[in-house]
Structures are given as C-alpha cells and as structure tokens.
Amino acid sequence: MGARVVVLDRSLDRLRYLDDIFMGRIETVWSSAAALEEQVIDADLIIGAVLIPGAAAPKLVSRDLVSKLQKGSVMVDVAIDQGGCFETSRATSYQDPTYEVDGVVHYCVANMPGGVARTATLALTNATLPYVVRLADQGLEALRGDARFALGLNVHVGKLTHVGVGEAFSLDAVSPAEALNS
C-alpha cells in the first residue's frame, strides 16, 4: 500500500525472521531508546505491542515524547491489557475507543481481539492446538523434556512456577523444572 513500515524489537532472531519473511518490504531496527524516539517522531501510526508474560508492559513512549509527535498521528496500544506501553495510555472501550493527548489520537481498547472474536478464536486455536495435542500425547513428559515448553507452566502440585505472577502477588515461585521433578 506504499506505507513505510518499521518494526523495532530487542530479539535479533525475531528481526532476522521478519527480514526473511517480508523480503525487504519492511525495515527492522534493534530497539533502543534513541532508535524508538527517532522512529516515533515522524510516524503517522505507532502500534505498541509489548508483552512481558506475567508482568506489566514497560512504558516505552513517554508523555514528553508524545508532545513532540505530529498532530493527527495515531497511537494504538495493543499492550493496554498489561497496563499499556505508552505513558499517556488509558483503557478505552469499543463504545468510546479514542481520545487525544496533544493532538495525538490514542486507541487503547482493552481486549482488542474481542472485536474480531471469530478470527481471534481461530488464530488462538491454530497457535495453541499443537501444544494441547503434545500434552495429550506425552503428558508431563512433554514439559520435562522441553524447558521452553515448561515455561508455560504456572502451577504444579501446589507450587507456583511463574516468577512474574509471584512478584506481582509477593509469592514464592520455583522453576518449572523444580516443580516437575518434585
């Protein structure tokens, strides 16, 4: 459509993957405070999609930076369900989805996938079904044999295994491996 699309991330593997699948049609940039500010200042549309499982999203775009943006630019905070990644974000609803700060339009609807429920359900099913099948076939051995898969475990035999949840609620957490081997 002729848009200049820039993706910032801190995962070099993810940036390489995006370079490969989009074959140069988008720009990828290692995310730093300076790179973020440089890219955001001239953007017409900024989509914040930060996820730190079990924790609040970091505030990547400050109130001061928002004041420097072009009037009429739009910020979409997909991370609003985790507190938002823009300092000026506040949750909105489908009935009243936008508001302005310094002439910058904010769209911060909580549970954005709920607006396209069927599509979201199909996407979630496609993403999770292989894991459900693996658990059904292998049981706990699927987790014991794959440390990355085990990171999806939250509680086992009464032991909390998710550090972010433990920190949020001042509870002790153990590693998934420790819980699985007890």
C-alpha atoms as a PDB file:
ATOM      1  CA  MET A   1       0.000   0.000   0.000  1.00  0.00           C
ATOM      2  CA  GLY A   2       3.045   2.229  -0.115  1.00  0.00           C
ATOM      3  CA  ALA A   3       3.489   2.610   3.624  1.00  0.00           C
ATOM      4  CA  ARG A   4       6.935   2.687   5.184  1.00  0.00           C
ATOM      5  CA  VAL A   5       6.758   0.087   7.966  1.00  0.00           C
ATOM      6  CA  VAL A   6       9.400  -0.116  10.678  1.00  0.00           C
ATOM      7  CA  VAL A   7       9.459  -2.850  13.322  1.00  0.00           C
ATOM      8  CA  LEU A   8      11.524  -2.375  16.462  1.00  0.00           C
ATOM      9  CA  ASP A   9      12.408  -5.346  18.643  1.00  0.00           C
ATOM     10  CA  ARG A  10      15.095  -6.492  21.037  1.00  0.00           C
ATOM     11  CA  SER A  11      15.277 -10.000  19.622  1.00  0.00           C
ATOM     12  CA  LEU A  12      17.784 -10.292  16.807  1.00  0.00           C
ATOM     13  CA  ASP A  13      16.314 -13.687  15.902  1.00  0.00           C
ATOM     14  CA  ARG A  14      12.871 -12.106  15.532  1.00  0.00           C
ATOM     15  CA  LEU A  15      14.225  -9.229  13.447  1.00  0.00           C
ATOM     16  CA  ARG A  16      16.059 -11.676  11.152  1.00  0.00           C
ATOM     17  CA  TYR A  17      12.889 -13.759  10.806  1.00  0.00           C
ATOM     18  CA  LEU A  18      10.870 -10.661   9.866  1.00  0.00           C
ATOM     19  CA  ASP A  19      13.536  -9.628   7.350  1.00  0.00           C
ATOM     20  CA  ASP A  20      13.306 -13.092   5.786  1.00  0.00           C
ATOM     21  CA  ILE A  21       9.526 -13.357   5.525  1.00  0.00           C
ATOM     22  CA  PHE A  22       8.951  -9.776   4.358  1.00  0.00           C
ATOM     23  CA  MET A  23      11.901  -9.864   1.928  1.00  0.00           C
ATOM     24  CA  GLY A  24      12.935  -6.264   2.499  1.00  0.00           C
ATOM     25  CA  ARG A  25       9.443  -4.764   2.281  1.00  0.00           C
ATOM     26  CA  ILE A  26       9.708  -3.589   5.906  1.00  0.00           C
ATOM     27  CA  GLU A  27      12.564  -2.119   7.916  1.00  0.00           C
ATOM     28  CA  THR A  28      13.728  -3.805  11.092  1.00  0.00           C
ATOM     29  CA  VAL A  29      15.536  -1.892  13.816  1.00  0.00           C
ATOM     30  CA  TRP A  30      17.145  -3.005  17.084  1.00  0.00           C
ATOM     31  CA  SER A  31      15.088  -1.299  19.783  1.00  0.00           C
ATOM     32  CA  SER A  32      16.846   1.253  21.961  1.00  0.00           C
ATOM     33  CA  ALA A  33      15.584   4.493  23.494  1.00  0.00           C
ATOM     34  CA  ALA A  34      17.303   6.530  20.767  1.00  0.00           C
ATOM     35  CA  ALA A  35      16.032   4.323  17.920  1.00  0.00           C
ATOM     36  CA  LEU A  36      12.498   4.364  19.334  1.00  0.00           C
ATOM     37  CA  GLU A  37      12.438   8.159  19.567  1.00  0.00           C
ATOM     38  CA  GLU A  38      13.894   8.543  16.082  1.00  0.00           C
ATOM     39  CA  GLN A  39      11.253   6.279  14.530  1.00  0.00           C
ATOM     40  CA  VAL A  40       8.286   7.573  16.548  1.00  0.00           C
ATOM     41  CA  ILE A  41       8.833  11.301  15.963  1.00  0.00           C
ATOM     42  CA  ASP A  42       7.865  11.196  12.269  1.00  0.00           C
ATOM     43  CA  ALA A  43       5.397   8.290  12.376  1.00  0.00           C
ATOM     44  CA  ASP A  44       1.789   8.655  11.305  1.00  0.00           C
ATOM     45  CA  LEU A  45       0.800   5.440  13.097  1.00  0.00           C
ATOM     46  CA  ILE A  46       2.506   3.841  16.100  1.00  0.00           C
ATOM     47  CA  ILE A  47       1.452   0.405  17.255  1.00  0.00           C
ATOM     48  CA  GLY A  48       2.754  -0.603  20.665  1.00  0.00           C
ATOM     49  CA  ALA A  49       2.651  -4.367  21.094  1.00  0.00           C
ATOM     50  CA  VAL A  50       4.882  -5.201  24.030  1.00  0.00           C
ATOM     51  CA  LEU A  51       4.303  -8.356  26.054  1.00  0.00           C
ATOM     52  CA  ILE A  52       6.243  -9.456  29.080  1.00  0.00           C
ATOM     53  CA  PRO A  53       4.330 -12.529  30.258  1.00  0.00           C
ATOM     54  CA  GLY A  54       3.066 -12.141  33.802  1.00  0.00           C
ATOM     55  CA  ALA A  55       4.250  -8.549  34.150  1.00  0.00           C
ATOM     56  CA  ALA A  56       3.134  -5.026  33.301  1.00  0.00           C
ATOM     57  CA  ALA A  57       4.227  -3.625  29.956  1.00  0.00           C
ATOM     58  CA  PRO A  58       7.082  -1.117  30.158  1.00  0.00           C
ATOM     59  CA  LYS A  59       6.254   2.492  29.254  1.00  0.00           C
ATOM     60  CA  LEU A  60       8.211   2.888  26.024  1.00  0.00           C
ATOM     61  CA  VAL A  61       6.788   6.203  24.821  1.00  0.00           C
ATOM     62  CA  SER A  62       6.949   8.967  27.429  1.00  0.00           C
ATOM     63  CA  ARG A  63       4.481  11.802  27.892  1.00  0.00           C
ATOM     64  CA  ASP A  64       7.217  14.201  26.767  1.00  0.00           C
ATOM     65  CA  LEU A  65       7.780  12.240  23.548  1.00  0.00           C
ATOM     66  CA  VAL A  66       4.035  12.211  22.805  1.00  0.00           C
ATOM     67  CA  SER A  67       4.075  16.032  22.957  1.00  0.00           C
ATOM     68  CA  LYS A  68       6.708  16.044  20.174  1.00  0.00           C
ATOM     69  CA  LEU A  69       4.695  13.870  17.760  1.00  0.00           C
ATOM     70  CA  GLN A  70       2.932  15.184  14.678  1.00  0.00           C
ATOM     71  CA  LYS A  71      -0.590  16.423  15.343  1.00  0.00           C
ATOM     72  CA  GLY A  72      -3.084  13.905  13.965  1.00  0.00           C
ATOM     73  CA  SER A  73      -0.782  10.930  14.344  1.00  0.00           C
ATOM     74  CA  VAL A  74      -2.324   7.819  15.880  1.00  0.00           C
ATOM     75  CA  MET A  75      -1.081   5.568  18.671  1.00  0.00           C
ATOM     76  CA  VAL A  76      -2.591   2.096  19.098  1.00  0.00           C
ATOM     77  CA  ASP A  77      -1.697   0.444  22.400  1.00  0.00           C
ATOM     78  CA  VAL A  78      -2.177  -3.299  21.976  1.00  0.00           C
ATOM     79  CA  ALA A  79      -0.449  -3.753  25.354  1.00  0.00           C
ATOM     80  CA  ILE A  80      -3.233  -1.918  27.203  1.00  0.00           C
ATOM     81  CA  ASP A  81      -4.365  -5.193  28.800  1.00  0.00           C
ATOM     82  CA  GLN A  82      -0.983  -5.232  30.595  1.00  0.00           C
ATOM     83  CA  GLY A  83      -1.166  -1.549  31.579  1.00  0.00           C
ATOM     84  CA  GLY A  84      -0.133  -0.079  28.249  1.00  0.00           C
ATOM     85  CA  CYS A  85       3.252   0.746  26.759  1.00  0.00           C
ATOM     86  CA  PHE A  86       2.648   4.471  26.263  1.00  0.00           C
ATOM     87  CA  GLU A  87       2.773   6.760  29.288  1.00  0.00           C
ATOM     88  CA  THR A  88      -0.371   8.532  28.038  1.00  0.00           C
ATOM     89  CA  SER A  89      -2.395   5.327  27.594  1.00  0.00           C
ATOM     90  CA  ARG A  90      -5.608   4.637  29.446  1.00  0.00           C
ATOM     91  CA  ALA A  91      -8.020   1.827  28.667  1.00  0.00           C
ATOM     92  CA  THR A  92     -10.922   2.704  26.400  1.00  0.00           C
ATOM     93  CA  SER A  93     -13.922   0.743  25.144  1.00  0.00           C
ATOM     94  CA  TYR A  94     -15.488  -0.073  21.799  1.00  0.00           C
ATOM     95  CA  GLN A  95     -18.244   2.443  22.658  1.00  0.00           C
ATOM     96  CA  ASP A  96     -15.714   5.277  23.186  1.00  0.00           C
ATOM     97  CA  PRO A  97     -12.492   3.976  21.626  1.00  0.00           C
ATOM     98  CA  THR A  98     -10.325   7.074  21.180  1.00  0.00           C
ATOM     99  CA  TYR A  99      -9.096  10.175  22.936  1.00  0.00           C
ATOM    100  CA  GLU A 100      -6.463  12.812  22.186  1.00  0.00           C
ATOM    101  CA  VAL A 101      -3.383  13.941  24.033  1.00  0.00           C
ATOM    102  CA  ASP A 102      -1.581  16.938  22.489  1.00  0.00           C
ATOM    103  CA  GLY A 103      -3.376  16.340  19.182  1.00  0.00           C
ATOM    104  CA  VAL A 104      -2.275  12.695  19.049  1.00  0.00           C
ATOM    105  CA  VAL A 105      -5.132  10.208  18.775  1.00  0.00           C
ATOM    106  CA  HIS A 106      -4.924   7.228  21.150  1.00  0.00           C
ATOM    107  CA  TYR A 107      -6.746   3.930  20.602  1.00  0.00           C
ATOM    108  CA  CYS A 108      -6.431   1.782  23.715  1.00  0.00           C
ATOM    109  CA  VAL A 109      -9.354  -0.631  23.634  1.00  0.00           C
ATOM    110  CA  ALA A 110      -8.861  -3.459  26.100  1.00  0.00           C
ATOM    111  CA  ASN A 111      -9.224  -6.964  24.647  1.00  0.00           C
ATOM    112  CA  MET A 112      -8.819  -5.851  21.033  1.00  0.00           C
ATOM    113  CA  PRO A 113      -9.205  -9.421  19.737  1.00  0.00           C
ATOM    114  CA  GLY A 114     -12.768  -9.356  21.135  1.00  0.00           C
ATOM    115  CA  GLY A 115     -13.677  -7.046  18.250  1.00  0.00           C
ATOM    116  CA  VAL A 116     -12.985  -9.883  15.816  1.00  0.00           C
ATOM    117  CA  ALA A 117     -13.971 -12.774  18.060  1.00  0.00           C
ATOM    118  CA  ARG A 118     -14.283 -15.492  15.402  1.00  0.00           C
ATOM    119  CA  THR A 119     -10.976 -14.633  13.747  1.00  0.00           C
ATOM    120  CA  ALA A 120      -9.257 -14.326  17.131  1.00  0.00           C
ATOM    121  CA  THR A 121     -10.610 -17.708  18.211  1.00  0.00           C
ATOM    122  CA  LEU A 122      -9.373 -19.373  15.026  1.00  0.00           C
ATOM    123  CA  ALA A 123      -5.942 -17.758  15.384  1.00  0.00           C
ATOM    124  CA  LEU A 124      -5.647 -18.770  19.038  1.00  0.00           C
ATOM    125  CA  THR A 125      -6.761 -22.309  18.241  1.00  0.00           C
ATOM    126  CA  ASN A 126      -4.198 -22.584  15.439  1.00  0.00           C
ATOM    127  CA  ALA A 127      -1.463 -21.308  17.737  1.00  0.00           C
ATOM    128  CA  THR A 128      -2.292 -23.474  20.755  1.00  0.00           C
ATOM    129  CA  LEU A 129      -3.600 -26.736  19.286  1.00  0.00           C
ATOM    130  CA  PRO A 130      -0.134 -28.231  18.653  1.00  0.00           C
ATOM    131  CA  TYR A 131       0.712 -27.737  22.347  1.00  0.00           C
ATOM    132  CA  VAL A 132      -2.571 -29.245  23.508  1.00  0.00           C
ATOM    133  CA  VAL A 133      -2.002 -32.287  21.273  1.00  0.00           C
ATOM    134  CA  ARG A 134       1.548 -32.636  22.559  1.00  0.00           C
ATOM    135  CA  LEU A 135       0.357 -32.504  26.185  1.00  0.00           C
ATOM    136  CA  ALA A 136      -2.387 -35.020  25.429  1.00  0.00           C
ATOM    137  CA  ASP A 137       0.091 -37.392  23.784  1.00  0.00           C
ATOM    138  CA  GLN A 138       3.012 -37.018  26.200  1.00  0.00           C
ATOM    139  CA  GLY A 139       1.559 -35.691  29.464  1.00  0.00           C
ATOM    140  CA  LEU A 140       4.043 -34.080  31.841  1.00  0.00           C
ATOM    141  CA  GLU A 141       6.925 -35.640  29.894  1.00  0.00           C
ATOM    142  CA  ALA A 142       6.280 -33.009  27.216  1.00  0.00           C
ATOM    143  CA  LEU A 143       7.196 -30.348  29.767  1.00  0.00           C
ATOM    144  CA  ARG A 144      10.058 -32.257  31.386  1.00  0.00           C
ATOM    145  CA  GLY A 145      11.700 -32.771  28.002  1.00  0.00           C
ATOM    146  CA  ASP A 146      11.410 -29.188  26.777  1.00  0.00           C
ATOM    147  CA  ALA A 147      12.458 -26.324  29.069  1.00  0.00           C
ATOM    148  CA  ARG A 148      10.901 -23.702  26.771  1.00  0.00           C
ATOM    149  CA  PHE A 149       7.566 -25.543  26.712  1.00  0.00           C
ATOM    150  CA  ALA A 150       7.734 -25.844  30.515  1.00  0.00           C
ATOM    151  CA  LEU A 151       7.807 -22.039  30.751  1.00  0.00           C
ATOM    152  CA  GLY A 152       4.063 -22.203  30.034  1.00  0.00           C
ATOM    153  CA  LEU A 153       3.515 -23.994  33.327  1.00  0.00           C
ATOM    154  CA  ASN A 154       2.123 -21.743  36.079  1.00  0.00           C
ATOM    155  CA  VAL A 155       1.343 -24.111  38.960  1.00  0.00           C
ATOM    156  CA  HIS A 156       2.212 -27.759  39.618  1.00  0.00           C
ATOM    157  CA  VAL A 157       1.497 -29.783  42.766  1.00  0.00           C
ATOM    158  CA  GLY A 158       0.703 -26.587  44.646  1.00  0.00           C
ATOM    159  CA  LYS A 159       3.933 -24.837  43.637  1.00  0.00           C
ATOM    160  CA  LEU A 160       3.835 -21.557  41.728  1.00  0.00           C
ATOM    161  CA  THR A 161       6.220 -21.705  38.765  1.00  0.00           C
ATOM    162  CA  HIS A 162       5.659 -18.295  37.194  1.00  0.00           C
ATOM    163  CA  VAL A 163       8.132 -15.725  38.539  1.00  0.00           C
ATOM    164  CA  GLY A 164       6.153 -12.731  37.224  1.00  0.00           C
ATOM    165  CA  VAL A 165       2.985 -13.842  38.995  1.00  0.00           C
ATOM    166  CA  GLY A 166       4.987 -14.484  42.169  1.00  0.00           C
ATOM    167  CA  GLU A 167       6.467 -10.998  42.066  1.00  0.00           C
ATOM    168  CA  ALA A 168       3.097  -9.379  41.376  1.00  0.00           C
ATOM    169  CA  PHE A 169       1.473 -11.099  44.366  1.00  0.00           C
ATOM    170  CA  SER A 170       4.516 -11.376  46.689  1.00  0.00           C
ATOM    171  CA  LEU A 171       4.528 -15.169  46.461  1.00  0.00           C
ATOM    172  CA  ASP A 172       7.464 -17.528  46.261  1.00  0.00           C
ATOM    173  CA  ALA A 173       7.949 -19.254  42.918  1.00  0.00           C
ATOM    174  CA  VAL A 174      10.086 -22.217  41.908  1.00  0.00           C
ATOM    175  CA  SER A 175      11.408 -23.112  38.489  1.00  0.00           C
ATOM    176  CA  PRO A 176       9.191 -25.332  36.338  1.00  0.00           C
ATOM    177  CA  ALA A 177      11.940 -27.991  36.396  1.00  0.00           C
ATOM    178  CA  GLU A 178      11.968 -27.971  40.207  1.00  0.00           C
ATOM    179  CA  ALA A 179       8.191 -28.305  40.391  1.00  0.00           C
ATOM    180  CA  LEU A 180       8.073 -31.042  37.740  1.00  0.00           C
ATOM    181  CA  ASN A 181      10.769 -33.078  39.481  1.00  0.00           C
ATOM    182  CA  SER A 182       9.196 -32.949  42.942  1.00  0.00           C
END
